[in-house]
């Protein structure tokens, strides 16, 4: 299972989306990065593969950072390569 964390402006808690395989996680990561780089605001509709029926809509202009990590790669609860305070 792979975790995609989306940090939003003025929101202290990241939005977390799960993908079953690395290909799906990488595809979602690239989609989010393209939305961040694009002109104007878009609404992105995202679903979680771990919990059926879990959906969220995110405004692309509010995304500050996106991080992908393997659920098993961070036994200490830290994000992949990033320190959380």
PDB file of N, CA and C in Angstrom:
ATOM      1  N   UNK A   1       0.864  -1.175   0.000  1.00  0.00           N
ATOM      2  CA  UNK A   1       0.000   0.000   0.000  1.00  0.00           C
ATOM      3  C   UNK A   1       0.904   1.229   0.000  1.00  0.00           C
ATOM      4  N   UNK A   2       0.528   2.246  -0.780  1.00  0.00           N
ATOM      5  CA  UNK A   2       1.287   3.484  -0.879  1.00  0.00           C
ATOM      6  C   UNK A   2       0.424   4.649  -0.420  1.00  0.00           C
ATOM      7  N   UNK A   3       1.041   5.579   0.281  1.00  0.00           N
ATOM      8  CA  UNK A   3       0.362   6.743   0.830  1.00  0.00           C
ATOM      9  C   UNK A   3       0.773   7.984   0.051  1.00  0.00           C
ATOM     10  N   UNK A   4      -0.204   8.766  -0.371  1.00  0.00           N
ATOM     11  CA  UNK A   4       0.034  10.048  -1.005  1.00  0.00           C
ATOM     12  C   UNK A   4      -0.513  11.105  -0.044  1.00  0.00           C
ATOM     13  N   UNK A   5       0.386  11.945   0.486  1.00  0.00           N
ATOM     14  CA  UNK A   5      -0.018  13.004   1.407  1.00  0.00           C
ATOM     15  C   UNK A   5      -0.066  14.317   0.643  1.00  0.00           C
ATOM     16  N   UNK A   6      -1.174  15.031   0.783  1.00  0.00           N
ATOM     17  CA  UNK A   6      -1.359  16.308   0.118  1.00  0.00           C
ATOM     18  C   UNK A   6      -1.479  17.389   1.187  1.00  0.00           C
ATOM     19  N   UNK A   7      -0.516  18.303   1.198  1.00  0.00           N
ATOM     20  CA  UNK A   7      -0.556  19.417   2.140  1.00  0.00           C
ATOM     21  C   UNK A   7      -1.264  20.596   1.484  1.00  0.00           C
ATOM     22  N   UNK A   8      -2.251  21.125   2.189  1.00  0.00           N
ATOM     23  CA  UNK A   8      -3.055  22.226   1.673  1.00  0.00           C
ATOM     24  C   UNK A   8      -2.791  23.506   2.454  1.00  0.00           C
ATOM     25  N   UNK A   9      -2.913  24.614   1.763  1.00  0.00           N
ATOM     26  CA  UNK A   9      -2.757  25.934   2.372  1.00  0.00           C
ATOM     27  C   UNK A   9      -3.772  26.085   3.511  1.00  0.00           C
ATOM     28  N   UNK A  10      -3.322  26.615   4.636  1.00  0.00           N
ATOM     29  CA  UNK A  10      -4.168  26.890   5.816  1.00  0.00           C
ATOM     30  C   UNK A  10      -4.820  25.640   6.397  1.00  0.00           C
ATOM     31  N   UNK A  11      -4.211  24.475   6.175  1.00  0.00           N
ATOM     32  CA  UNK A  11      -4.742  23.235   6.741  1.00  0.00           C
ATOM     33  C   UNK A  11      -3.580  22.473   7.377  1.00  0.00           C
ATOM     34  N   UNK A  12      -3.549  22.360   8.704  1.00  0.00           N
ATOM     35  CA  UNK A  12      -2.408  21.733   9.368  1.00  0.00           C
ATOM     36  C   UNK A  12      -2.323  20.214   9.188  1.00  0.00           C
ATOM     37  N   UNK A  13      -3.400  19.588   8.770  1.00  0.00           N
ATOM     38  CA  UNK A  13      -3.431  18.135   8.625  1.00  0.00           C
ATOM     39  C   UNK A  13      -3.450  17.775   7.143  1.00  0.00           C
ATOM     40  N   UNK A  14      -2.531  16.896   6.696  1.00  0.00           N
ATOM     41  CA  UNK A  14      -2.516  16.544   5.269  1.00  0.00           C
ATOM     42  C   UNK A  14      -3.710  15.667   4.892  1.00  0.00           C
ATOM     43  N   UNK A  15      -4.122  15.767   3.645  1.00  0.00           N
ATOM     44  CA  UNK A  15      -5.124  14.862   3.089  1.00  0.00           C
ATOM     45  C   UNK A  15      -4.354  13.620   2.651  1.00  0.00           C
ATOM     46  N   UNK A  16      -4.800  12.446   3.071  1.00  0.00           N
ATOM     47  CA  UNK A  16      -4.082  11.214   2.769  1.00  0.00           C
ATOM     48  C   UNK A  16      -4.929  10.331   1.857  1.00  0.00           C
ATOM     49  N   UNK A  17      -4.320   9.939   0.747  1.00  0.00           N
ATOM     50  CA  UNK A  17      -4.953   9.066  -0.234  1.00  0.00           C
ATOM     51  C   UNK A  17      -4.089   7.808  -0.337  1.00  0.00           C
ATOM     52  N   UNK A  18      -4.707   6.644  -0.380  1.00  0.00           N
ATOM     53  CA  UNK A  18      -3.965   5.388  -0.470  1.00  0.00           C
ATOM     54  C   UNK A  18      -4.119   4.780  -1.865  1.00  0.00           C
ATOM     55  N   UNK A  19      -3.022   4.193  -2.346  1.00  0.00           N
ATOM     56  CA  UNK A  19      -3.025   3.436  -3.601  1.00  0.00           C
ATOM     57  C   UNK A  19      -2.433   2.064  -3.328  1.00  0.00           C
ATOM     58  N   UNK A  20      -2.956   1.042  -4.006  1.00  0.00           N
ATOM     59  CA  UNK A  20      -2.517  -0.336  -3.777  1.00  0.00           C
ATOM     60  C   UNK A  20      -1.146  -0.626  -4.357  1.00  0.00           C
ATOM     61  N   UNK A  21      -0.802   0.011  -5.471  1.00  0.00           N
ATOM     62  CA  UNK A  21       0.477  -0.290  -6.110  1.00  0.00           C
ATOM     63  C   UNK A  21       1.253   0.987  -6.416  1.00  0.00           C
ATOM     64  N   UNK A  22       2.544   0.817  -6.670  1.00  0.00           N
ATOM     65  CA  UNK A  22       3.414   1.967  -6.915  1.00  0.00           C
ATOM     66  C   UNK A  22       3.037   2.703  -8.191  1.00  0.00           C
ATOM     67  N   UNK A  23       2.607   1.978  -9.206  1.00  0.00           N
ATOM     68  CA  UNK A  23       2.210   2.610 -10.468  1.00  0.00           C
ATOM     69  C   UNK A  23       1.052   3.583 -10.255  1.00  0.00           C
ATOM     70  N   UNK A  24       0.056   3.162  -9.491  1.00  0.00           N
ATOM     71  CA  UNK A  24      -1.082   4.029  -9.197  1.00  0.00           C
ATOM     72  C   UNK A  24      -0.686   5.238  -8.361  1.00  0.00           C
ATOM     73  N   UNK A  25       0.226   5.029  -7.406  1.00  0.00           N
ATOM     74  CA  UNK A  25       0.700   6.133  -6.565  1.00  0.00           C
ATOM     75  C   UNK A  25       1.487   7.135  -7.397  1.00  0.00           C
ATOM     76  N   UNK A  26       2.357   6.626  -8.265  1.00  0.00           N
ATOM     77  CA  UNK A  26       3.149   7.519  -9.115  1.00  0.00           C
ATOM     78  C   UNK A  26       2.266   8.302 -10.082  1.00  0.00           C
ATOM     79  N   UNK A  27       1.247   7.644 -10.613  1.00  0.00           N
ATOM     80  CA  UNK A  27       0.337   8.312 -11.545  1.00  0.00           C
ATOM     81  C   UNK A  27      -0.413   9.444 -10.838  1.00  0.00           C
ATOM     82  N   UNK A  28      -0.899   9.181  -9.624  1.00  0.00           N
ATOM     83  CA  UNK A  28      -1.603  10.222  -8.875  1.00  0.00           C
ATOM     84  C   UNK A  28      -0.652  11.359  -8.517  1.00  0.00           C
ATOM     85  N   UNK A  29       0.577  11.038  -8.126  1.00  0.00           N
ATOM     86  CA  UNK A  29       1.584  12.065  -7.819  1.00  0.00           C
ATOM     87  C   UNK A  29       1.780  12.996  -9.018  1.00  0.00           C
ATOM     88  N   UNK A  30       1.972  12.421 -10.191  1.00  0.00           N
ATOM     89  CA  UNK A  30       2.197  13.237 -11.390  1.00  0.00           C
ATOM     90  C   UNK A  30       0.957  14.062 -11.749  1.00  0.00           C
ATOM     91  N   UNK A  31      -0.221  13.510 -11.550  1.00  0.00           N
ATOM     92  CA  UNK A  31      -1.457  14.257 -11.788  1.00  0.00           C
ATOM     93  C   UNK A  31      -1.536  15.475 -10.869  1.00  0.00           C
ATOM     94  N   UNK A  32      -1.193  15.277  -9.592  1.00  0.00           N
ATOM     95  CA  UNK A  32      -1.238  16.374  -8.629  1.00  0.00           C
ATOM     96  C   UNK A  32      -0.190  17.443  -8.938  1.00  0.00           C
ATOM     97  N   UNK A  33       1.013  17.019  -9.307  1.00  0.00           N
ATOM     98  CA  UNK A  33       2.066  17.981  -9.649  1.00  0.00           C
ATOM     99  C   UNK A  33       1.668  18.795 -10.883  1.00  0.00           C
ATOM    100  N   UNK A  34       1.103  18.139 -11.887  1.00  0.00           N
ATOM    101  CA  UNK A  34       0.648  18.857 -13.088  1.00  0.00           C
ATOM    102  C   UNK A  34      -0.439  19.861 -12.734  1.00  0.00           C
ATOM    103  N   UNK A  35      -1.330  19.494 -11.833  1.00  0.00           N
ATOM    104  CA  UNK A  35      -2.390  20.416 -11.414  1.00  0.00           C
ATOM    105  C   UNK A  35      -1.804  21.617 -10.683  1.00  0.00           C
ATOM    106  N   UNK A  36      -0.748  21.393  -9.888  1.00  0.00           N
ATOM    107  CA  UNK A  36      -0.095  22.487  -9.177  1.00  0.00           C
ATOM    108  C   UNK A  36       0.588  23.441 -10.156  1.00  0.00           C
ATOM    109  N   UNK A  37       1.139  22.913 -11.234  1.00  0.00           N
ATOM    110  CA  UNK A  37       1.868  23.722 -12.209  1.00  0.00           C
ATOM    111  C   UNK A  37       0.948  24.416 -13.207  1.00  0.00           C
ATOM    112  N   UNK A  38      -0.272  23.939 -13.338  1.00  0.00           N
ATOM    113  CA  UNK A  38      -1.192  24.457 -14.337  1.00  0.00           C
ATOM    114  C   UNK A  38      -1.712  25.844 -14.016  1.00  0.00           C
ATOM    115  N   UNK A  39      -2.257  26.456 -15.040  1.00  0.00           N
ATOM    116  CA  UNK A  39      -2.863  27.778 -14.909  1.00  0.00           C
ATOM    117  C   UNK A  39      -4.284  27.642 -14.350  1.00  0.00           C
ATOM    118  N   UNK A  40      -4.690  28.590 -13.559  1.00  0.00           N
ATOM    119  CA  UNK A  40      -6.054  28.611 -13.036  1.00  0.00           C
ATOM    120  C   UNK A  40      -6.267  27.582 -11.943  1.00  0.00           C
ATOM    121  N   UNK A  41      -7.499  27.528 -11.505  1.00  0.00           N
ATOM    122  CA  UNK A  41      -7.871  26.601 -10.447  1.00  0.00           C
ATOM    123  C   UNK A  41      -8.688  25.462 -11.024  1.00  0.00           C
ATOM    124  N   UNK A  42      -8.386  24.251 -10.594  1.00  0.00           N
ATOM    125  CA  UNK A  42      -9.145  23.073 -10.986  1.00  0.00           C
ATOM    126  C   UNK A  42      -9.580  22.347  -9.726  1.00  0.00           C
ATOM    127  N   UNK A  43     -10.703  21.690  -9.810  1.00  0.00           N
ATOM    128  CA  UNK A  43     -11.141  20.838  -8.716  1.00  0.00           C
ATOM    129  C   UNK A  43     -10.735  19.412  -9.076  1.00  0.00           C
ATOM    130  N   UNK A  44      -9.956  18.787  -8.203  1.00  0.00           N
ATOM    131  CA  UNK A  44      -9.513  17.418  -8.406  1.00  0.00           C
ATOM    132  C   UNK A  44     -10.353  16.503  -7.519  1.00  0.00           C
ATOM    133  N   UNK A  45     -10.973  15.514  -8.119  1.00  0.00           N
ATOM    134  CA  UNK A  45     -11.786  14.543  -7.387  1.00  0.00           C
ATOM    135  C   UNK A  45     -10.943  13.294  -7.185  1.00  0.00           C
ATOM    136  N   UNK A  46     -10.677  12.951  -5.914  1.00  0.00           N
ATOM    137  CA  UNK A  46      -9.787  11.848  -5.584  1.00  0.00           C
ATOM    138  C   UNK A  46     -10.521  10.788  -4.774  1.00  0.00           C
ATOM    139  N   UNK A  47     -10.113   9.547  -4.962  1.00  0.00           N
ATOM    140  CA  UNK A  47     -10.681   8.436  -4.200  1.00  0.00           C
ATOM    141  C   UNK A  47      -9.549   7.651  -3.552  1.00  0.00           C
ATOM    142  N   UNK A  48      -9.869   6.947  -2.492  1.00  0.00           N
ATOM    143  CA  UNK A  48      -8.905   6.145  -1.757  1.00  0.00           C
ATOM    144  C   UNK A  48      -9.149   4.671  -2.075  1.00  0.00           C
ATOM    145  N   UNK A  49      -8.079   3.934  -2.379  1.00  0.00           N
ATOM    146  CA  UNK A  49      -8.221   2.513  -2.699  1.00  0.00           C
ATOM    147  C   UNK A  49      -8.270   1.637  -1.455  1.00  0.00           C
ATOM    148  N   UNK A  50      -7.915   2.183  -0.307  1.00  0.00           N
ATOM    149  CA  UNK A  50      -7.956   1.387   0.922  1.00  0.00           C
ATOM    150  C   UNK A  50      -9.367   1.353   1.510  1.00  0.00           C
ATOM    151  N   UNK A  51     -10.021   2.495   1.515  1.00  0.00           N
ATOM    152  CA  UNK A  51     -11.361   2.589   2.088  1.00  0.00           C
ATOM    153  C   UNK A  51     -12.353   2.892   0.975  1.00  0.00           C
ATOM    154  N   UNK A  52     -13.160   1.924   0.618  1.00  0.00           N
ATOM    155  CA  UNK A  52     -14.155   2.102  -0.437  1.00  0.00           C
ATOM    156  C   UNK A  52     -15.114   3.224  -0.057  1.00  0.00           C
ATOM    157  N   UNK A  53     -15.438   4.067  -1.017  1.00  0.00           N
ATOM    158  CA  UNK A  53     -16.377   5.151  -0.788  1.00  0.00           C
ATOM    159  C   UNK A  53     -15.753   6.418  -0.229  1.00  0.00           C
ATOM    160  N   UNK A  54     -14.479   6.376   0.135  1.00  0.00           N
ATOM    161  CA  UNK A  54     -13.826   7.579   0.653  1.00  0.00           C
ATOM    162  C   UNK A  54     -13.447   8.454  -0.532  1.00  0.00           C
ATOM    163  N   UNK A  55     -13.992   9.676  -0.569  1.00  0.00           N
ATOM    164  CA  UNK A  55     -13.753  10.617  -1.663  1.00  0.00           C
ATOM    165  C   UNK A  55     -13.459  11.993  -1.096  1.00  0.00           C
ATOM    166  N   UNK A  56     -12.674  12.758  -1.870  1.00  0.00           N
ATOM    167  CA  UNK A  56     -12.383  14.133  -1.485  1.00  0.00           C
ATOM    168  C   UNK A  56     -12.187  14.948  -2.760  1.00  0.00           C
ATOM    169  N   UNK A  57     -12.600  16.196  -2.714  1.00  0.00           N
ATOM    170  CA  UNK A  57     -12.366  17.136  -3.817  1.00  0.00           C
ATOM    171  C   UNK A  57     -11.397  18.192  -3.297  1.00  0.00           C
ATOM    172  N   UNK A  58     -10.342  18.449  -4.084  1.00  0.00           N
ATOM    173  CA  UNK A  58      -9.296  19.379  -3.680  1.00  0.00           C
ATOM    174  C   UNK A  58      -9.143  20.443  -4.751  1.00  0.00           C
ATOM    175  N   UNK A  59      -9.042  21.689  -4.338  1.00  0.00           N
ATOM    176  CA  UNK A  59      -8.806  22.783  -5.265  1.00  0.00           C
ATOM    177  C   UNK A  59      -7.311  22.847  -5.558  1.00  0.00           C
ATOM    178  N   UNK A  60      -6.925  22.730  -6.817  1.00  0.00           N
ATOM    179  CA  UNK A  60      -5.507  22.623  -7.190  1.00  0.00           C
ATOM    180  C   UNK A  60      -4.669  23.810  -6.706  1.00  0.00           C
ATOM    181  N   UNK A  61      -5.240  24.988  -6.669  1.00  0.00           N
ATOM    182  CA  UNK A  61      -4.491  26.177  -6.248  1.00  0.00           C
ATOM    183  C   UNK A  61      -4.148  26.159  -4.760  1.00  0.00           C
ATOM    184  N   UNK A  62      -4.779  25.295  -3.991  1.00  0.00           N
ATOM    185  CA  UNK A  62      -4.540  25.208  -2.548  1.00  0.00           C
ATOM    186  C   UNK A  62      -3.487  24.168  -2.181  1.00  0.00           C
ATOM    187  N   UNK A  63      -3.001  23.395  -3.155  1.00  0.00           N
ATOM    188  CA  UNK A  63      -2.013  22.357  -2.873  1.00  0.00           C
ATOM    189  C   UNK A  63      -0.633  22.994  -2.731  1.00  0.00           C
ATOM    190  N   UNK A  64       0.022  22.734  -1.604  1.00  0.00           N
ATOM    191  CA  UNK A  64       1.363  23.261  -1.352  1.00  0.00           C
ATOM    192  C   UNK A  64       2.433  22.200  -1.574  1.00  0.00           C
ATOM    193  N   UNK A  65       2.155  20.945  -1.232  1.00  0.00           N
ATOM    194  CA  UNK A  65       3.153  19.883  -1.341  1.00  0.00           C
ATOM    195  C   UNK A  65       2.455  18.536  -1.481  1.00  0.00           C
ATOM    196  N   UNK A  66       3.154  17.623  -2.163  1.00  0.00           N
ATOM    197  CA  UNK A  66       2.661  16.259  -2.346  1.00  0.00           C
ATOM    198  C   UNK A  66       3.808  15.315  -2.026  1.00  0.00           C
ATOM    199  N   UNK A  67       3.533  14.274  -1.259  1.00  0.00           N
ATOM    200  CA  UNK A  67       4.565  13.305  -0.886  1.00  0.00           C
ATOM    201  C   UNK A  67       4.020  11.900  -1.072  1.00  0.00           C
ATOM    202  N   UNK A  68       4.833  11.025  -1.635  1.00  0.00           N
ATOM    203  CA  UNK A  68       4.462   9.622  -1.814  1.00  0.00           C
ATOM    204  C   UNK A  68       5.401   8.770  -0.982  1.00  0.00           C
ATOM    205  N   UNK A  69       4.856   7.797  -0.260  1.00  0.00           N
ATOM    206  CA  UNK A  69       5.694   6.879   0.501  1.00  0.00           C
ATOM    207  C   UNK A  69       5.008   5.525   0.586  1.00  0.00           C
ATOM    208  N   UNK A  70       5.840   4.507   0.762  1.00  0.00           N
ATOM    209  CA  UNK A  70       5.325   3.159   0.957  1.00  0.00           C
ATOM    210  C   UNK A  70       4.891   3.043   2.404  1.00  0.00           C
ATOM    211  N   UNK A  71       3.779   2.393   2.654  1.00  0.00           N
ATOM    212  CA  UNK A  71       3.286   2.271   4.015  1.00  0.00           C
ATOM    213  C   UNK A  71       4.295   1.531   4.899  1.00  0.00           C
ATOM    214  N   UNK A  72       5.048   0.618   4.315  1.00  0.00           N
ATOM    215  CA  UNK A  72       6.012  -0.156   5.088  1.00  0.00           C
ATOM    216  C   UNK A  72       7.380   0.513   5.167  1.00  0.00           C
ATOM    217  N   UNK A  73       7.600   1.595   4.428  1.00  0.00           N
ATOM    218  CA  UNK A  73       8.924   2.200   4.382  1.00  0.00           C
ATOM    219  C   UNK A  73       9.224   3.129   5.550  1.00  0.00           C
ATOM    220  N   UNK A  74       8.239   3.458   6.364  1.00  0.00           N
ATOM    221  CA  UNK A  74       8.483   4.417   7.444  1.00  0.00           C
ATOM    222  C   UNK A  74       7.984   3.870   8.780  1.00  0.00           C
ATOM    223  N   UNK A  75       8.715   2.924   9.365  1.00  0.00           N
ATOM    224  CA  UNK A  75       8.258   2.331  10.624  1.00  0.00           C
ATOM    225  C   UNK A  75       8.222   3.310  11.786  1.00  0.00           C
ATOM    226  N   UNK A  76       8.950   4.418  11.712  1.00  0.00           N
ATOM    227  CA  UNK A  76       8.967   5.395  12.798  1.00  0.00           C
ATOM    228  C   UNK A  76       7.851   6.406  12.684  1.00  0.00           C
ATOM    229  N   UNK A  77       7.028   6.322  11.626  1.00  0.00           N
ATOM    230  CA  UNK A  77       5.955   7.282  11.442  1.00  0.00           C
ATOM    231  C   UNK A  77       6.393   8.532  10.727  1.00  0.00           C
ATOM    232  N   UNK A  78       7.641   8.586  10.295  1.00  0.00           N
ATOM    233  CA  UNK A  78       8.143   9.746   9.582  1.00  0.00           C
ATOM    234  C   UNK A  78       7.844   9.594   8.108  1.00  0.00           C
ATOM    235  N   UNK A  79       7.676  10.702   7.428  1.00  0.00           N
ATOM    236  CA  UNK A  79       7.510  10.673   5.980  1.00  0.00           C
ATOM    237  C   UNK A  79       8.819  10.316   5.318  1.00  0.00           C
ATOM    238  N   UNK A  80       8.735   9.852   4.115  1.00  0.00           N
ATOM    239  CA  UNK A  80       9.925   9.416   3.365  1.00  0.00           C
ATOM    240  C   UNK A  80      10.864  10.585   3.123  1.00  0.00           C
ATOM    241  N   UNK A  81      11.965  10.626   3.861  1.00  0.00           N
ATOM    242  CA  UNK A  81      12.977  11.650   3.634  1.00  0.00           C
ATOM    243  C   UNK A  81      12.641  13.022   4.205  1.00  0.00           C
ATOM    244  N   UNK A  82      11.554  13.143   4.922  1.00  0.00           N
ATOM    245  CA  UNK A  82      11.148  14.429   5.462  1.00  0.00           C
ATOM    246  C   UNK A  82      10.951  14.318   6.963  1.00  0.00           C
ATOM    247  N   UNK A  83      11.275  15.381   7.675  1.00  0.00           N
ATOM    248  CA  UNK A  83      11.118  15.400   9.123  1.00  0.00           C
ATOM    249  C   UNK A  83       9.848  16.134   9.470  1.00  0.00           C
ATOM    250  N   UNK A  84       9.095  15.573  10.379  1.00  0.00           N
ATOM    251  CA  UNK A  84       7.879  16.240  10.854  1.00  0.00           C
ATOM    252  C   UNK A  84       8.127  16.726  12.267  1.00  0.00           C
ATOM    253  N   UNK A  85       7.691  17.926  12.536  1.00  0.00           N
ATOM    254  CA  UNK A  85       7.855  18.488  13.890  1.00  0.00           C
ATOM    255  C   UNK A  85       6.610  18.297  14.684  1.00  0.00           C
TER     256      UNK A  85
END
